[in-house]
Amino acid sequence: MRSIRCRADGGAVFIDMANDAAVRAAVHHHYGEGLRYDCAVGLTHWERDPEGGTAASPGAAPEVFFAPARIKQRVRDWGPRRIRSALRGRMATAPRRPARP
């Protein structure tokens, strides 16, 4: 793995699409307490280290983004009526594909 070539003095946010434990550990140790947020979105390398290599690592504790949990939170925050309205608005502007025969 190549070393991180970014300044470590300004703070950082890490959005992890692969869940590669070696990369996550390197980011945590490079930025230390300057790592303000760590979000695991993908799990491409989940089999390498299910814990993600952050036990006892400095910086922000990783959070996992899981779409169904986020939707439930939105329903609690916004209520069912606003969710339905938002979804209808998104569907109205979504690109339409012609039906296949």
PDB file of N, CA and C in Angstrom:
ATOM      1  N   MET A   1       0.835  -1.178   0.000  1.00  0.00           N
ATOM      2  CA  MET A   1       0.000   0.000   0.000  1.00  0.00           C
ATOM      3  C   MET A   1       0.878   1.239   0.000  1.00  0.00           C
ATOM      4  N   ARG A   2       0.504   2.221  -0.807  1.00  0.00           N
ATOM      5  CA  ARG A   2       1.251   3.469  -0.846  1.00  0.00           C
ATOM      6  C   ARG A   2       0.953   4.295   0.395  1.00  0.00           C
ATOM      7  N   SER A   3       1.864   5.178   0.735  1.00  0.00           N
ATOM      8  CA  SER A   3       1.653   6.027   1.897  1.00  0.00           C
ATOM      9  C   SER A   3       0.698   7.158   1.548  1.00  0.00           C
ATOM     10  N   ILE A   4       0.121   7.746   2.568  1.00  0.00           N
ATOM     11  CA  ILE A   4      -0.801   8.865   2.385  1.00  0.00           C
ATOM     12  C   ILE A   4       0.021  10.122   2.171  1.00  0.00           C
ATOM     13  N   ARG A   5      -0.296  10.875   1.137  1.00  0.00           N
ATOM     14  CA  ARG A   5       0.458  12.082   0.813  1.00  0.00           C
ATOM     15  C   ARG A   5      -0.436  13.303   0.920  1.00  0.00           C
ATOM     16  N   CYS A   6      -1.019  13.492   2.060  1.00  0.00           N
ATOM     17  CA  CYS A   6      -1.874  14.648   2.316  1.00  0.00           C
ATOM     18  C   CYS A   6      -1.433  15.289   3.624  1.00  0.00           C
ATOM     19  N   ARG A   7      -1.646  16.571   3.709  1.00  0.00           N
ATOM     20  CA  ARG A   7      -1.340  17.257   4.969  1.00  0.00           C
ATOM     21  C   ARG A   7      -2.253  16.723   6.062  1.00  0.00           C
ATOM     22  N   ALA A   8      -1.709  16.588   7.227  1.00  0.00           N
ATOM     23  CA  ALA A   8      -2.482  16.045   8.343  1.00  0.00           C
ATOM     24  C   ALA A   8      -2.908  17.122   9.329  1.00  0.00           C
ATOM     25  N   ASP A   9      -2.665  18.388   9.002  1.00  0.00           N
ATOM     26  CA  ASP A   9      -2.909  19.433   9.999  1.00  0.00           C
ATOM     27  C   ASP A   9      -4.240  20.158   9.856  1.00  0.00           C
ATOM     28  N   GLY A  10      -5.055  19.838   8.842  1.00  0.00           N
ATOM     29  CA  GLY A  10      -6.282  20.592   8.642  1.00  0.00           C
ATOM     30  C   GLY A  10      -7.554  19.837   8.956  1.00  0.00           C
ATOM     31  N   GLY A  11      -7.469  18.621   9.385  1.00  0.00           N
ATOM     32  CA  GLY A  11      -8.652  17.822   9.639  1.00  0.00           C
ATOM     33  C   GLY A  11      -9.078  17.093   8.375  1.00  0.00           C
ATOM     34  N   ALA A  12      -9.839  16.037   8.557  1.00  0.00           N
ATOM     35  CA  ALA A  12     -10.239  15.227   7.406  1.00  0.00           C
ATOM     36  C   ALA A  12     -11.541  14.499   7.691  1.00  0.00           C
ATOM     37  N   VAL A  13     -12.185  14.110   6.610  1.00  0.00           N
ATOM     38  CA  VAL A  13     -13.370  13.268   6.630  1.00  0.00           C
ATOM     39  C   VAL A  13     -13.042  12.067   5.751  1.00  0.00           C
ATOM     40  N   PHE A  14     -13.379  10.871   6.196  1.00  0.00           N
ATOM     41  CA  PHE A  14     -13.064   9.655   5.453  1.00  0.00           C
ATOM     42  C   PHE A  14     -14.364   8.933   5.128  1.00  0.00           C
ATOM     43  N   ILE A  15     -14.672   8.816   3.830  1.00  0.00           N
ATOM     44  CA  ILE A  15     -15.826   8.044   3.368  1.00  0.00           C
ATOM     45  C   ILE A  15     -15.251   6.793   2.716  1.00  0.00           C
ATOM     46  N   ASP A  16     -15.446   5.661   3.368  1.00  0.00           N
ATOM     47  CA  ASP A  16     -14.811   4.409   2.970  1.00  0.00           C
ATOM     48  C   ASP A  16     -15.761   3.560   2.129  1.00  0.00           C
ATOM     49  N   MET A  17     -15.429   3.413   0.865  1.00  0.00           N
ATOM     50  CA  MET A  17     -16.263   2.637  -0.048  1.00  0.00           C
ATOM     51  C   MET A  17     -15.867   1.157  -0.094  1.00  0.00           C
ATOM     52  N   ALA A  18     -14.710   0.796   0.420  1.00  0.00           N
ATOM     53  CA  ALA A  18     -14.221  -0.577   0.283  1.00  0.00           C
ATOM     54  C   ALA A  18     -14.110  -1.328   1.609  1.00  0.00           C
ATOM     55  N   ASN A  19     -13.988  -0.634   2.710  1.00  0.00           N
ATOM     56  CA  ASN A  19     -13.765  -1.245   4.018  1.00  0.00           C
ATOM     57  C   ASN A  19     -12.469  -2.060   4.037  1.00  0.00           C
ATOM     58  N   ASP A  20     -11.422  -1.472   3.497  1.00  0.00           N
ATOM     59  CA  ASP A  20     -10.100  -2.098   3.516  1.00  0.00           C
ATOM     60  C   ASP A  20      -9.441  -1.703   4.836  1.00  0.00           C
ATOM     61  N   ALA A  21      -9.236  -2.675   5.716  1.00  0.00           N
ATOM     62  CA  ALA A  21      -8.739  -2.408   7.068  1.00  0.00           C
ATOM     63  C   ALA A  21      -7.381  -1.709   7.060  1.00  0.00           C
ATOM     64  N   ALA A  22      -6.513  -2.071   6.133  1.00  0.00           N
ATOM     65  CA  ALA A  22      -5.185  -1.457   6.089  1.00  0.00           C
ATOM     66  C   ALA A  22      -5.285   0.022   5.710  1.00  0.00           C
ATOM     67  N   VAL A  23      -6.134   0.332   4.765  1.00  0.00           N
ATOM     68  CA  VAL A  23      -6.315   1.732   4.363  1.00  0.00           C
ATOM     69  C   VAL A  23      -6.946   2.517   5.505  1.00  0.00           C
ATOM     70  N   ARG A  24      -7.992   1.959   6.105  1.00  0.00           N
ATOM     71  CA  ARG A  24      -8.667   2.661   7.205  1.00  0.00           C
ATOM     72  C   ARG A  24      -7.688   2.926   8.354  1.00  0.00           C
ATOM     73  N   ALA A  25      -6.883   1.941   8.727  1.00  0.00           N
ATOM     74  CA  ALA A  25      -5.910   2.135   9.809  1.00  0.00           C
ATOM     75  C   ALA A  25      -4.897   3.212   9.439  1.00  0.00           C
ATOM     76  N   ALA A  26      -4.427   3.197   8.186  1.00  0.00           N
ATOM     77  CA  ALA A  26      -3.457   4.214   7.745  1.00  0.00           C
ATOM     78  C   ALA A  26      -4.056   5.609   7.825  1.00  0.00           C
ATOM     79  N   VAL A  27      -5.305   5.762   7.402  1.00  0.00           N
ATOM     80  CA  VAL A  27      -5.972   7.067   7.473  1.00  0.00           C
ATOM     81  C   VAL A  27      -6.113   7.511   8.928  1.00  0.00           C
ATOM     82  N   HIS A  28      -6.548   6.622   9.791  1.00  0.00           N
ATOM     83  CA  HIS A  28      -6.722   6.954  11.210  1.00  0.00           C
ATOM     84  C   HIS A  28      -5.397   7.368  11.845  1.00  0.00           C
ATOM     85  N   HIS A  29      -4.344   6.659  11.536  1.00  0.00           N
ATOM     86  CA  HIS A  29      -3.048   6.985  12.146  1.00  0.00           C
ATOM     87  C   HIS A  29      -2.421   8.221  11.522  1.00  0.00           C
ATOM     88  N   HIS A  30      -2.671   8.465  10.247  1.00  0.00           N
ATOM     89  CA  HIS A  30      -2.126   9.653   9.592  1.00  0.00           C
ATOM     90  C   HIS A  30      -2.776  10.920  10.142  1.00  0.00           C
ATOM     91  N   TYR A  31      -4.099  10.926  10.236  1.00  0.00           N
ATOM     92  CA  TYR A  31      -4.805  12.130  10.671  1.00  0.00           C
ATOM     93  C   TYR A  31      -5.003  12.200  12.180  1.00  0.00           C
ATOM     94  N   GLY A  32      -4.943  11.069  12.863  1.00  0.00           N
ATOM     95  CA  GLY A  32      -5.104  11.061  14.309  1.00  0.00           C
ATOM     96  C   GLY A  32      -6.413  11.722  14.725  1.00  0.00           C
ATOM     97  N   GLU A  33      -6.334  12.586  15.719  1.00  0.00           N
ATOM     98  CA  GLU A  33      -7.530  13.266  16.212  1.00  0.00           C
ATOM     99  C   GLU A  33      -8.065  14.286  15.211  1.00  0.00           C
ATOM    100  N   GLY A  34      -7.316  14.562  14.152  1.00  0.00           N
ATOM    101  CA  GLY A  34      -7.789  15.441  13.090  1.00  0.00           C
ATOM    102  C   GLY A  34      -8.814  14.778  12.181  1.00  0.00           C
ATOM    103  N   LEU A  35      -8.987  13.460  12.307  1.00  0.00           N
ATOM    104  CA  LEU A  35     -10.009  12.764  11.540  1.00  0.00           C
ATOM    105  C   LEU A  35     -11.348  13.043  12.209  1.00  0.00           C
ATOM    106  N   ARG A  36     -12.148  13.879  11.574  1.00  0.00           N
ATOM    107  CA  ARG A  36     -13.388  14.362  12.181  1.00  0.00           C
ATOM    108  C   ARG A  36     -14.567  13.421  11.998  1.00  0.00           C
ATOM    109  N   TYR A  37     -14.559  12.656  10.900  1.00  0.00           N
ATOM    110  CA  TYR A  37     -15.698  11.786  10.594  1.00  0.00           C
ATOM    111  C   TYR A  37     -15.213  10.613   9.750  1.00  0.00           C
ATOM    112  N   ASP A  38     -15.719   9.426  10.037  1.00  0.00           N
ATOM    113  CA  ASP A  38     -15.371   8.212   9.313  1.00  0.00           C
ATOM    114  C   ASP A  38     -16.671   7.464   9.035  1.00  0.00           C
ATOM    115  N   CYS A  39     -17.000   7.302   7.770  1.00  0.00           N
ATOM    116  CA  CYS A  39     -18.242   6.624   7.398  1.00  0.00           C
ATOM    117  C   CYS A  39     -17.936   5.469   6.459  1.00  0.00           C
ATOM    118  N   ALA A  40     -18.354   4.275   6.842  1.00  0.00           N
ATOM    119  CA  ALA A  40     -18.215   3.091   5.988  1.00  0.00           C
ATOM    120  C   ALA A  40     -19.483   2.965   5.158  1.00  0.00           C
ATOM    121  N   VAL A  41     -19.329   3.105   3.850  1.00  0.00           N
ATOM    122  CA  VAL A  41     -20.462   3.016   2.938  1.00  0.00           C
ATOM    123  C   VAL A  41     -20.454   1.670   2.224  1.00  0.00           C
ATOM    124  N   GLY A  42     -19.294   1.223   1.810  1.00  0.00           N
ATOM    125  CA  GLY A  42     -19.180  -0.039   1.081  1.00  0.00           C
ATOM    126  C   GLY A  42     -18.464  -1.086   1.895  1.00  0.00           C
ATOM    127  N   LEU A  43     -18.565  -2.307   1.441  1.00  0.00           N
ATOM    128  CA  LEU A  43     -17.920  -3.426   2.139  1.00  0.00           C
ATOM    129  C   LEU A  43     -17.234  -4.364   1.163  1.00  0.00           C
ATOM    130  N   THR A  44     -16.566  -3.831   0.166  1.00  0.00           N
ATOM    131  CA  THR A  44     -15.914  -4.656  -0.838  1.00  0.00           C
ATOM    132  C   THR A  44     -14.919  -5.624  -0.211  1.00  0.00           C
ATOM    133  N   HIS A  45     -14.182  -5.170   0.791  1.00  0.00           N
ATOM    134  CA  HIS A  45     -13.146  -6.007   1.410  1.00  0.00           C
ATOM    135  C   HIS A  45     -13.547  -6.487   2.811  1.00  0.00           C
ATOM    136  N   TRP A  46     -14.801  -6.764   3.012  1.00  0.00           N
ATOM    137  CA  TRP A  46     -15.289  -7.137   4.340  1.00  0.00           C
ATOM    138  C   TRP A  46     -14.631  -8.388   4.900  1.00  0.00           C
ATOM    139  N   GLU A  47     -14.246  -9.319   4.030  1.00  0.00           N
ATOM    140  CA  GLU A  47     -13.703 -10.585   4.522  1.00  0.00           C
ATOM    141  C   GLU A  47     -12.304 -10.444   5.112  1.00  0.00           C
ATOM    142  N   ARG A  48     -11.609  -9.370   4.807  1.00  0.00           N
ATOM    143  CA  ARG A  48     -10.238  -9.198   5.307  1.00  0.00           C
ATOM    144  C   ARG A  48     -10.211  -8.902   6.806  1.00  0.00           C
ATOM    145  N   ASP A  49     -11.115  -8.074   7.253  1.00  0.00           N
ATOM    146  CA  ASP A  49     -11.152  -7.703   8.677  1.00  0.00           C
ATOM    147  C   ASP A  49     -12.540  -7.161   8.984  1.00  0.00           C
ATOM    148  N   PRO A  50     -13.425  -7.998   9.538  1.00  0.00           N
ATOM    149  CA  PRO A  50     -14.796  -7.554   9.784  1.00  0.00           C
ATOM    150  C   PRO A  50     -14.892  -6.347  10.712  1.00  0.00           C
ATOM    151  N   GLU A  51     -13.892  -6.120  11.543  1.00  0.00           N
ATOM    152  CA  GLU A  51     -13.911  -4.971  12.448  1.00  0.00           C
ATOM    153  C   GLU A  51     -13.427  -3.701  11.756  1.00  0.00           C
ATOM    154  N   GLY A  52     -12.884  -3.804  10.575  1.00  0.00           N
ATOM    155  CA  GLY A  52     -12.441  -2.639   9.835  1.00  0.00           C
ATOM    156  C   GLY A  52     -11.121  -2.069  10.298  1.00  0.00           C
ATOM    157  N   GLY A  53     -10.420  -2.715  11.214  1.00  0.00           N
ATOM    158  CA  GLY A  53      -9.085  -2.287  11.618  1.00  0.00           C
ATOM    159  C   GLY A  53      -9.026  -1.014  12.439  1.00  0.00           C
ATOM    160  N   THR A  54     -10.116  -0.623  13.099  1.00  0.00           N
ATOM    161  CA  THR A  54     -10.100   0.638  13.830  1.00  0.00           C
ATOM    162  C   THR A  54     -10.146   0.491  15.339  1.00  0.00           C
ATOM    163  N   ALA A  55     -10.100  -0.721  15.837  1.00  0.00           N
ATOM    164  CA  ALA A  55     -10.068  -0.877  17.284  1.00  0.00           C
ATOM    165  C   ALA A  55      -8.828  -0.168  17.823  1.00  0.00           C
ATOM    166  N   ALA A  56      -9.012   0.715  18.751  1.00  0.00           N
ATOM    167  CA  ALA A  56      -7.926   1.479  19.377  1.00  0.00           C
ATOM    168  C   ALA A  56      -7.206   2.409  18.401  1.00  0.00           C
ATOM    169  N   SER A  57      -7.881   2.835  17.337  1.00  0.00           N
ATOM    170  CA  SER A  57      -7.285   3.797  16.403  1.00  0.00           C
ATOM    171  C   SER A  57      -7.695   5.209  16.801  1.00  0.00           C
ATOM    172  N   PRO A  58      -6.808   6.179  16.586  1.00  0.00           N
ATOM    173  CA  PRO A  58      -7.160   7.562  16.912  1.00  0.00           C
ATOM    174  C   PRO A  58      -8.179   8.126  15.920  1.00  0.00           C
ATOM    175  N   GLY A  59      -8.803   9.210  16.293  1.00  0.00           N
ATOM    176  CA  GLY A  59      -9.740   9.876  15.393  1.00  0.00           C
ATOM    177  C   GLY A  59     -11.163   9.412  15.600  1.00  0.00           C
ATOM    178  N   ALA A  60     -12.027   9.860  14.710  1.00  0.00           N
ATOM    179  CA  ALA A  60     -13.455   9.581  14.809  1.00  0.00           C
ATOM    180  C   ALA A  60     -13.755   8.096  14.715  1.00  0.00           C
ATOM    181  N   ALA A  61     -14.699   7.653  15.514  1.00  0.00           N
ATOM    182  CA  ALA A  61     -15.144   6.263  15.426  1.00  0.00           C
ATOM    183  C   ALA A  61     -15.929   6.090  14.137  1.00  0.00           C
ATOM    184  N   PRO A  62     -15.730   4.973  13.432  1.00  0.00           N
ATOM    185  CA  PRO A  62     -16.447   4.781  12.176  1.00  0.00           C
ATOM    186  C   PRO A  62     -17.939   4.581  12.386  1.00  0.00           C
ATOM    187  N   GLU A  63     -18.708   5.151  11.488  1.00  0.00           N
ATOM    188  CA  GLU A  63     -20.148   4.921  11.437  1.00  0.00           C
ATOM    189  C   GLU A  63     -20.419   4.139  10.159  1.00  0.00           C
ATOM    190  N   VAL A  64     -21.445   3.324  10.177  1.00  0.00           N
ATOM    191  CA  VAL A  64     -21.804   2.545   9.001  1.00  0.00           C
ATOM    192  C   VAL A  64     -23.059   3.155   8.389  1.00  0.00           C
ATOM    193  N   PHE A  65     -22.990   3.447   7.093  1.00  0.00           N
ATOM    194  CA  PHE A  65     -24.166   3.924   6.385  1.00  0.00           C
ATOM    195  C   PHE A  65     -24.907   2.722   5.858  1.00  0.00           C
ATOM    196  N   PHE A  66     -26.171   2.590   6.244  1.00  0.00           N
ATOM    197  CA  PHE A  66     -27.014   1.485   5.800  1.00  0.00           C
ATOM    198  C   PHE A  66     -28.334   2.103   5.375  1.00  0.00           C
ATOM    199  N   ALA A  67     -28.631   2.060   4.079  1.00  0.00           N
ATOM    200  CA  ALA A  67     -29.775   2.782   3.527  1.00  0.00           C
ATOM    201  C   ALA A  67     -31.099   2.484   4.232  1.00  0.00           C
ATOM    202  N   PRO A  68     -31.468   1.223   4.509  1.00  0.00           N
ATOM    203  CA  PRO A  68     -32.743   0.993   5.181  1.00  0.00           C
ATOM    204  C   PRO A  68     -32.839   1.680   6.556  1.00  0.00           C
ATOM    205  N   ALA A  69     -31.747   1.688   7.298  1.00  0.00           N
ATOM    206  CA  ALA A  69     -31.762   2.368   8.600  1.00  0.00           C
ATOM    207  C   ALA A  69     -31.917   3.871   8.412  1.00  0.00           C
ATOM    208  N   ARG A  70     -31.288   4.415   7.373  1.00  0.00           N
ATOM    209  CA  ARG A  70     -31.401   5.852   7.096  1.00  0.00           C
ATOM    210  C   ARG A  70     -32.830   6.227   6.715  1.00  0.00           C
ATOM    211  N   ILE A  71     -33.485   5.370   5.938  1.00  0.00           N
ATOM    212  CA  ILE A  71     -34.872   5.623   5.553  1.00  0.00           C
ATOM    213  C   ILE A  71     -35.768   5.612   6.790  1.00  0.00           C
ATOM    214  N   LYS A  72     -35.570   4.641   7.679  1.00  0.00           N
ATOM    215  CA  LYS A  72     -36.367   4.607   8.917  1.00  0.00           C
ATOM    216  C   LYS A  72     -36.174   5.882   9.731  1.00  0.00           C
ATOM    217  N   GLN A  73     -34.917   6.355   9.803  1.00  0.00           N
ATOM    218  CA  GLN A  73     -34.645   7.590  10.538  1.00  0.00           C
ATOM    219  C   GLN A  73     -35.356   8.768   9.882  1.00  0.00           C
ATOM    220  N   ARG A  74     -35.326   8.847   8.549  1.00  0.00           N
ATOM    221  CA  ARG A  74     -36.016   9.932   7.833  1.00  0.00           C
ATOM    222  C   ARG A  74     -37.519   9.907   8.125  1.00  0.00           C
ATOM    223  N   VAL A  75     -38.125   8.712   8.141  1.00  0.00           N
ATOM    224  CA  VAL A  75     -39.551   8.608   8.449  1.00  0.00           C
ATOM    225  C   VAL A  75     -39.822   9.131   9.854  1.00  0.00           C
ATOM    226  N   ARG A  76     -38.950   8.788  10.808  1.00  0.00           N
ATOM    227  CA  ARG A  76     -39.120   9.305  12.181  1.00  0.00           C
ATOM    228  C   ARG A  76     -38.956  10.823  12.216  1.00  0.00           C
ATOM    229  N   ASP A  77     -37.951  11.339  11.480  1.00  0.00           N
ATOM    230  CA  ASP A  77     -37.679  12.780  11.492  1.00  0.00           C
ATOM    231  C   ASP A  77     -38.736  13.582  10.742  1.00  0.00           C
ATOM    232  N   TRP A  78     -39.112  13.119   9.562  1.00  0.00           N
ATOM    233  CA  TRP A  78     -39.983  13.898   8.680  1.00  0.00           C
ATOM    234  C   TRP A  78     -41.453  13.507   8.761  1.00  0.00           C
ATOM    235  N   GLY A  79     -41.714  12.248   9.107  1.00  0.00           N
ATOM    236  CA  GLY A  79     -43.088  11.752   9.097  1.00  0.00           C
ATOM    237  C   GLY A  79     -43.433  11.161   7.744  1.00  0.00           C
ATOM    238  N   PRO A  80     -44.416  10.252   7.745  1.00  0.00           N
ATOM    239  CA  PRO A  80     -44.772   9.543   6.519  1.00  0.00           C
ATOM    240  C   PRO A  80     -45.253  10.458   5.391  1.00  0.00           C
ATOM    241  N   ARG A  81     -46.002  11.504   5.711  1.00  0.00           N
ATOM    242  CA  ARG A  81     -46.539  12.381   4.666  1.00  0.00           C
ATOM    243  C   ARG A  81     -45.414  13.071   3.892  1.00  0.00           C
ATOM    244  N   ARG A  82     -44.432  13.605   4.600  1.00  0.00           N
ATOM    245  CA  ARG A  82     -43.331  14.295   3.922  1.00  0.00           C
ATOM    246  C   ARG A  82     -42.470  13.318   3.116  1.00  0.00           C
ATOM    247  N   ILE A  83     -42.278  12.102   3.628  1.00  0.00           N
ATOM    248  CA  ILE A  83     -41.521  11.079   2.892  1.00  0.00           C
ATOM    249  C   ILE A  83     -42.231  10.757   1.582  1.00  0.00           C
ATOM    250  N   ARG A  84     -43.552  10.516   1.643  1.00  0.00           N
ATOM    251  CA  ARG A  84     -44.299  10.213   0.418  1.00  0.00           C
ATOM    252  C   ARG A  84     -44.180  11.357  -0.588  1.00  0.00           C
ATOM    253  N   SER A  85     -44.287  12.585  -0.099  1.00  0.00           N
ATOM    254  CA  SER A  85     -44.185  13.747  -0.975  1.00  0.00           C
ATOM    255  C   SER A  85     -42.798  13.822  -1.625  1.00  0.00           C
ATOM    256  N   ALA A  86     -41.757  13.600  -0.839  1.00  0.00           N
ATOM    257  CA  ALA A  86     -40.387  13.644  -1.359  1.00  0.00           C
ATOM    258  C   ALA A  86     -40.171  12.548  -2.399  1.00  0.00           C
ATOM    259  N   LEU A  87     -40.679  11.360  -2.135  1.00  0.00           N
ATOM    260  CA  LEU A  87     -40.514  10.252  -3.080  1.00  0.00           C
ATOM    261  C   LEU A  87     -41.284  10.516  -4.372  1.00  0.00           C
ATOM    262  N   ARG A  88     -42.497  11.075  -4.259  1.00  0.00           N
ATOM    263  CA  ARG A  88     -43.258  11.410  -5.462  1.00  0.00           C
ATOM    264  C   ARG A  88     -42.506  12.436  -6.296  1.00  0.00           C
ATOM    265  N   GLY A  89     -41.909  13.430  -5.632  1.00  0.00           N
ATOM    266  CA  GLY A  89     -41.142  14.443  -6.347  1.00  0.00           C
ATOM    267  C   GLY A  89     -39.941  13.843  -7.062  1.00  0.00           C
ATOM    268  N   ARG A  90     -39.253  12.922  -6.418  1.00  0.00           N
ATOM    269  CA  ARG A  90     -38.094  12.266  -7.041  1.00  0.00           C
ATOM    270  C   ARG A  90     -38.526  11.408  -8.227  1.00  0.00           C
ATOM    271  N   MET A  91     -39.619  10.696  -8.073  1.00  0.00           N
ATOM    272  CA  MET A  91     -40.085   9.835  -9.149  1.00  0.00           C
ATOM    273  C   MET A  91     -40.530  10.664 -10.355  1.00  0.00           C
ATOM    274  N   ALA A  92     -41.093  11.831 -10.117  1.00  0.00           N
ATOM    275  CA  ALA A  92     -41.551  12.688 -11.208  1.00  0.00           C
ATOM    276  C   ALA A  92     -40.394  13.201 -12.042  1.00  0.00           C
ATOM    277  N   THR A  93     -39.220  13.368 -11.418  1.00  0.00           N
ATOM    278  CA  THR A  93     -38.070  13.910 -12.143  1.00  0.00           C
ATOM    279  C   THR A  93     -37.086  12.833 -12.584  1.00  0.00           C
ATOM    280  N   ALA A  94     -37.366  11.577 -12.260  1.00  0.00           N
ATOM    281  CA  ALA A  94     -36.472  10.485 -12.644  1.00  0.00           C
ATOM    282  C   ALA A  94     -36.524  10.252 -14.150  1.00  0.00           C
ATOM    283  N   PRO A  95     -35.387   9.944 -14.758  1.00  0.00           N
ATOM    284  CA  PRO A  95     -35.398   9.671 -16.195  1.00  0.00           C
ATOM    285  C   PRO A  95     -36.269   8.439 -16.489  1.00  0.00           C
ATOM    286  N   ARG A  96     -36.969   8.501 -17.570  1.00  0.00           N
ATOM    287  CA  ARG A  96     -37.844   7.386 -17.947  1.00  0.00           C
ATOM    288  C   ARG A  96     -37.218   6.636 -19.114  1.00  0.00           C
ATOM    289  N   ARG A  97     -37.242   5.355 -19.006  1.00  0.00           N
ATOM    290  CA  ARG A  97     -36.778   4.497 -20.099  1.00  0.00           C
ATOM    291  C   ARG A  97     -37.978   3.901 -20.818  1.00  0.00           C
ATOM    292  N   PRO A  98     -37.896   3.759 -22.115  1.00  0.00           N
ATOM    293  CA  PRO A  98     -38.999   3.111 -22.811  1.00  0.00           C
ATOM    294  C   PRO A  98     -39.115   1.649 -22.377  1.00  0.00           C
ATOM    295  N   ALA A  99     -40.322   1.166 -22.336  1.00  0.00           N
ATOM    296  CA  ALA A  99     -40.539  -0.244 -21.958  1.00  0.00           C
ATOM    297  C   ALA A  99     -39.939  -1.154 -23.011  1.00  0.00           C
ATOM    298  N   ARG A 100     -39.336  -2.222 -22.592  1.00  0.00           N
ATOM    299  CA  ARG A 100     -38.786  -3.209 -23.522  1.00  0.00           C
ATOM    300  C   ARG A 100     -39.857  -4.203 -23.908  1.00  0.00           C
ATOM    301  N   PRO A 101     -39.856  -4.609 -25.180  1.00  0.00           N
ATOM    302  CA  PRO A 101     -40.868  -5.587 -25.621  1.00  0.00           C
ATOM    303  C   PRO A 101     -40.646  -6.957 -25.009  1.00  0.00           C
TER     304      PRO A 101
END
